[in-house]
Structure formats: C-alpha cells, structure tokens
Amino acid sequence: QMQLVESGGGSAQPGGSLRLSCLMTETVFVSMAWYRQAPGKERELVASISRGGTPTFYADSVKGRFTIPRDDAKNLVYLQMNNLNPEEAAVYYCNTATGNMWPWGQGAQVTVSS
C-alpha cells in the first residue's frame, strides 16, 4: 500500500524559506498535491502538479511564493516555500490531487515566528 512520507518541516522566520519533500513508496504517475492544516482549521489545498509536471495549480495565497516541483525518478514531490508568513504555520501533507486519497502521512510541521 502506498505510503507518503513528508519531511523538511521546521521553523522559519517571517520572510524565510523552507523546502518540504514528499516521498512516495510506490512509483505512480498521478497528479500530486500539497495540503496544509493549521490548528482549528480545515485542511486546505496549497498546490498541485500534474503527472507530466504541467500544469500546476497554486492557491491564491501562495502564488508567486511557493513552487511544487516533482522528481518522478526518485518518487519525490517538493514544496518550495518562500517569503513565509506566520499565518502559514501548519502541518503540511502531500497526497494525490485527484481521485481516491491514499492514507495520510504524518505531515511536516512548519512554524513561522520571529
């Protein structure tokens, strides 16, 4: 069964950057996405990337600051986050962007504070 392993979380200052990684334990060619869930809020879609690398989708709040590259040879999807703000502190998860979701991983905790 597919397992999703997120890593790269940590603490950043406002305006700082982090890069998250999502390792898929099986080779698949599907659209993938990053989601985030802040305390007391519902999980929301942050960005997605089609199986061929394009097109990509970004939530309005992250456009121009986040990118979602993928490396299918390594079964990896990344989330490069730049110019972070405190409101983006959350647990970030990866999963498929379409169809049935796989079991959620443990997520990557991101904190943004000075």
C-alpha atoms as a PDB file:
ATOM      1  CA  GLN A   1       0.000   0.000   0.000  1.00  0.00           C
ATOM      2  CA  MET A   2       1.225   3.466  -0.828  1.00  0.00           C
ATOM      3  CA  GLN A   3       2.855   5.352   2.000  1.00  0.00           C
ATOM      4  CA  LEU A   4       3.569   9.060   1.948  1.00  0.00           C
ATOM      5  CA  VAL A   5       6.491  10.382   3.954  1.00  0.00           C
ATOM      6  CA  GLU A   6       6.771  14.121   4.384  1.00  0.00           C
ATOM      7  CA  SER A   7       9.956  15.766   5.602  1.00  0.00           C
ATOM      8  CA  GLY A   8      11.708  19.107   5.684  1.00  0.00           C
ATOM      9  CA  GLY A   9       9.470  20.870   8.145  1.00  0.00           C
ATOM     10  CA  GLY A  10      10.846  23.108  10.811  1.00  0.00           C
ATOM     11  CA  SER A  11      10.948  26.679  11.927  1.00  0.00           C
ATOM     12  CA  ALA A  12      11.415  29.731   9.768  1.00  0.00           C
ATOM     13  CA  GLN A  13      11.359  33.425  10.414  1.00  0.00           C
ATOM     14  CA  PRO A  14       8.809  35.603   8.644  1.00  0.00           C
ATOM     15  CA  GLY A  15      10.095  36.128   5.146  1.00  0.00           C
ATOM     16  CA  GLY A  16      12.147  32.960   5.326  1.00  0.00           C
ATOM     17  CA  SER A  17      12.074  29.794   3.232  1.00  0.00           C
ATOM     18  CA  LEU A  18      11.635  26.086   3.699  1.00  0.00           C
ATOM     19  CA  ARG A  19      11.565  23.172   1.296  1.00  0.00           C
ATOM     20  CA  LEU A  20       9.357  20.212   2.043  1.00  0.00           C
ATOM     21  CA  SER A  21       9.771  16.789   0.492  1.00  0.00           C
ATOM     22  CA  CYS A  22       7.217  14.050  -0.050  1.00  0.00           C
ATOM     23  CA  LEU A  23       8.498  10.557  -0.680  1.00  0.00           C
ATOM     24  CA  MET A  24       6.082   8.093  -2.244  1.00  0.00           C
ATOM     25  CA  THR A  25       6.875   4.455  -1.523  1.00  0.00           C
ATOM     26  CA  GLU A  26       5.491   3.338  -4.869  1.00  0.00           C
ATOM     27  CA  THR A  27       6.100   4.642  -8.356  1.00  0.00           C
ATOM     28  CA  VAL A  28       2.981   6.313  -9.640  1.00  0.00           C
ATOM     29  CA  PHE A  29       2.269   8.856 -12.315  1.00  0.00           C
ATOM     30  CA  VAL A  30      -0.605  10.847 -10.973  1.00  0.00           C
ATOM     31  CA  SER A  31      -1.262  14.435 -10.118  1.00  0.00           C
ATOM     32  CA  MET A  32       0.093  15.205  -6.671  1.00  0.00           C
ATOM     33  CA  ALA A  33      -0.685  17.981  -4.250  1.00  0.00           C
ATOM     34  CA  TRP A  34       0.373  19.604  -1.029  1.00  0.00           C
ATOM     35  CA  TYR A  35      -2.210  20.417   1.617  1.00  0.00           C
ATOM     36  CA  ARG A  36      -1.922  22.142   4.965  1.00  0.00           C
ATOM     37  CA  GLN A  37      -3.901  22.191   8.160  1.00  0.00           C
ATOM     38  CA  ALA A  38      -3.498  24.886  10.769  1.00  0.00           C
ATOM     39  CA  PRO A  39      -4.762  24.385  14.334  1.00  0.00           C
ATOM     40  CA  GLY A  40      -8.532  24.699  14.474  1.00  0.00           C
ATOM     41  CA  LYS A  41      -8.865  24.932  10.717  1.00  0.00           C
ATOM     42  CA  GLU A  42      -9.795  22.547   7.960  1.00  0.00           C
ATOM     43  CA  ARG A  43      -7.195  21.034   5.672  1.00  0.00           C
ATOM     44  CA  GLU A  44      -6.748  23.132   2.547  1.00  0.00           C
ATOM     45  CA  LEU A  45      -5.159  22.622  -0.841  1.00  0.00           C
ATOM     46  CA  VAL A  46      -1.960  24.616  -1.263  1.00  0.00           C
ATOM     47  CA  ALA A  47      -0.594  23.496  -4.633  1.00  0.00           C
ATOM     48  CA  SER A  48      -0.790  20.665  -7.117  1.00  0.00           C
ATOM     49  CA  ILE A  49       1.190  19.366 -10.065  1.00  0.00           C
ATOM     50  CA  SER A  50       0.041  17.168 -12.905  1.00  0.00           C
ATOM     51  CA  ARG A  51       1.747  13.879 -13.618  1.00  0.00           C
ATOM     52  CA  GLY A  52       3.708  15.348 -16.500  1.00  0.00           C
ATOM     53  CA  GLY A  53       4.879  18.342 -14.496  1.00  0.00           C
ATOM     54  CA  THR A  54       2.423  20.771 -16.018  1.00  0.00           C
ATOM     55  CA  PRO A  55       0.037  22.295 -15.400  1.00  0.00           C
ATOM     56  CA  THR A  56       0.449  23.353 -11.821  1.00  0.00           C
ATOM     57  CA  PHE A  57      -2.085  24.947  -9.513  1.00  0.00           C
ATOM     58  CA  TYR A  58      -1.472  27.303  -6.622  1.00  0.00           C
ATOM     59  CA  ALA A  59      -3.850  28.685  -4.056  1.00  0.00           C
ATOM     60  CA  ASP A  60      -4.141  32.445  -4.424  1.00  0.00           C
ATOM     61  CA  SER A  61      -2.497  32.984  -1.055  1.00  0.00           C
ATOM     62  CA  VAL A  62       0.767  31.314  -2.151  1.00  0.00           C
ATOM     63  CA  LYS A  63       1.044  32.311  -5.805  1.00  0.00           C
ATOM     64  CA  GLY A  64       4.414  33.759  -6.627  1.00  0.00           C
ATOM     65  CA  ARG A  65       5.977  32.426  -3.418  1.00  0.00           C
ATOM     66  CA  PHE A  66       5.556  28.636  -3.485  1.00  0.00           C
ATOM     67  CA  THR A  67       6.515  26.151  -6.171  1.00  0.00           C
ATOM     68  CA  ILE A  68       5.777  22.428  -6.447  1.00  0.00           C
ATOM     69  CA  PRO A  69       8.400  20.580  -8.486  1.00  0.00           C
ATOM     70  CA  ARG A  70       8.482  16.799  -8.728  1.00  0.00           C
ATOM     71  CA  ASP A  71      11.148  14.210  -9.472  1.00  0.00           C
ATOM     72  CA  ASP A  72       9.410  11.082 -10.714  1.00  0.00           C
ATOM     73  CA  ALA A  73      12.686   9.185 -10.996  1.00  0.00           C
ATOM     74  CA  LYS A  74      13.005   9.477  -7.215  1.00  0.00           C
ATOM     75  CA  ASN A  75       9.288   9.299  -6.351  1.00  0.00           C
ATOM     76  CA  LEU A  76       9.548  12.753  -4.802  1.00  0.00           C
ATOM     77  CA  VAL A  77       7.358  15.826  -4.796  1.00  0.00           C
ATOM     78  CA  TYR A  78       8.631  19.029  -3.240  1.00  0.00           C
ATOM     79  CA  LEU A  79       7.104  22.208  -1.927  1.00  0.00           C
ATOM     80  CA  GLN A  80       9.449  25.174  -2.033  1.00  0.00           C
ATOM     81  CA  MET A  81       8.072  27.872   0.231  1.00  0.00           C
ATOM     82  CA  ASN A  82       9.493  31.384   0.111  1.00  0.00           C
ATOM     83  CA  ASN A  83       8.607  34.561   1.949  1.00  0.00           C
ATOM     84  CA  LEU A  84       6.708  32.674   4.619  1.00  0.00           C
ATOM     85  CA  ASN A  85       4.365  34.487   6.955  1.00  0.00           C
ATOM     86  CA  PRO A  86       3.183  33.468  10.441  1.00  0.00           C
ATOM     87  CA  GLU A  87      -0.315  32.620   9.202  1.00  0.00           C
ATOM     88  CA  GLU A  88       1.200  29.764   7.205  1.00  0.00           C
ATOM     89  CA  ALA A  89       2.260  27.817  10.248  1.00  0.00           C
ATOM     90  CA  ALA A  90       0.569  24.443   9.865  1.00  0.00           C
ATOM     91  CA  VAL A  91       1.116  20.771   9.293  1.00  0.00           C
ATOM     92  CA  TYR A  92       1.764  20.202   5.608  1.00  0.00           C
ATOM     93  CA  TYR A  93       0.730  16.976   3.907  1.00  0.00           C
ATOM     94  CA  CYS A  94       1.085  15.544   0.432  1.00  0.00           C
ATOM     95  CA  ASN A  95      -1.388  13.295  -1.324  1.00  0.00           C
ATOM     96  CA  THR A  96      -2.893  12.716  -4.696  1.00  0.00           C
ATOM     97  CA  ALA A  97      -4.609  15.708  -6.227  1.00  0.00           C
ATOM     98  CA  THR A  98      -7.383  13.720  -7.871  1.00  0.00           C
ATOM     99  CA  GLY A  99      -9.235  10.504  -7.272  1.00  0.00           C
ATOM    100  CA  ASN A 100      -9.125   8.466  -4.110  1.00  0.00           C
ATOM    101  CA  MET A 101      -6.721   9.707  -1.472  1.00  0.00           C
ATOM    102  CA  TRP A 102      -4.033   7.455  -0.076  1.00  0.00           C
ATOM    103  CA  PRO A 103      -3.657   7.163   3.686  1.00  0.00           C
ATOM    104  CA  TRP A 104      -2.312  10.446   5.027  1.00  0.00           C
ATOM    105  CA  GLY A 105       1.263  10.582   6.226  1.00  0.00           C
ATOM    106  CA  GLN A 106       2.431  12.153   9.444  1.00  0.00           C
ATOM    107  CA  GLY A 107       2.876  15.517   7.785  1.00  0.00           C
ATOM    108  CA  ALA A 108       5.610  18.104   8.123  1.00  0.00           C
ATOM    109  CA  GLN A 109       5.210  20.674  10.867  1.00  0.00           C
ATOM    110  CA  VAL A 110       6.019  24.228   9.811  1.00  0.00           C
ATOM    111  CA  THR A 111       6.297  27.069  12.285  1.00  0.00           C
ATOM    112  CA  VAL A 112       6.873  30.684  11.304  1.00  0.00           C
ATOM    113  CA  SER A 113       7.879  33.087  14.008  1.00  0.00           C
ATOM    114  CA  SER A 114      10.476  35.654  14.853  1.00  0.00           C
END
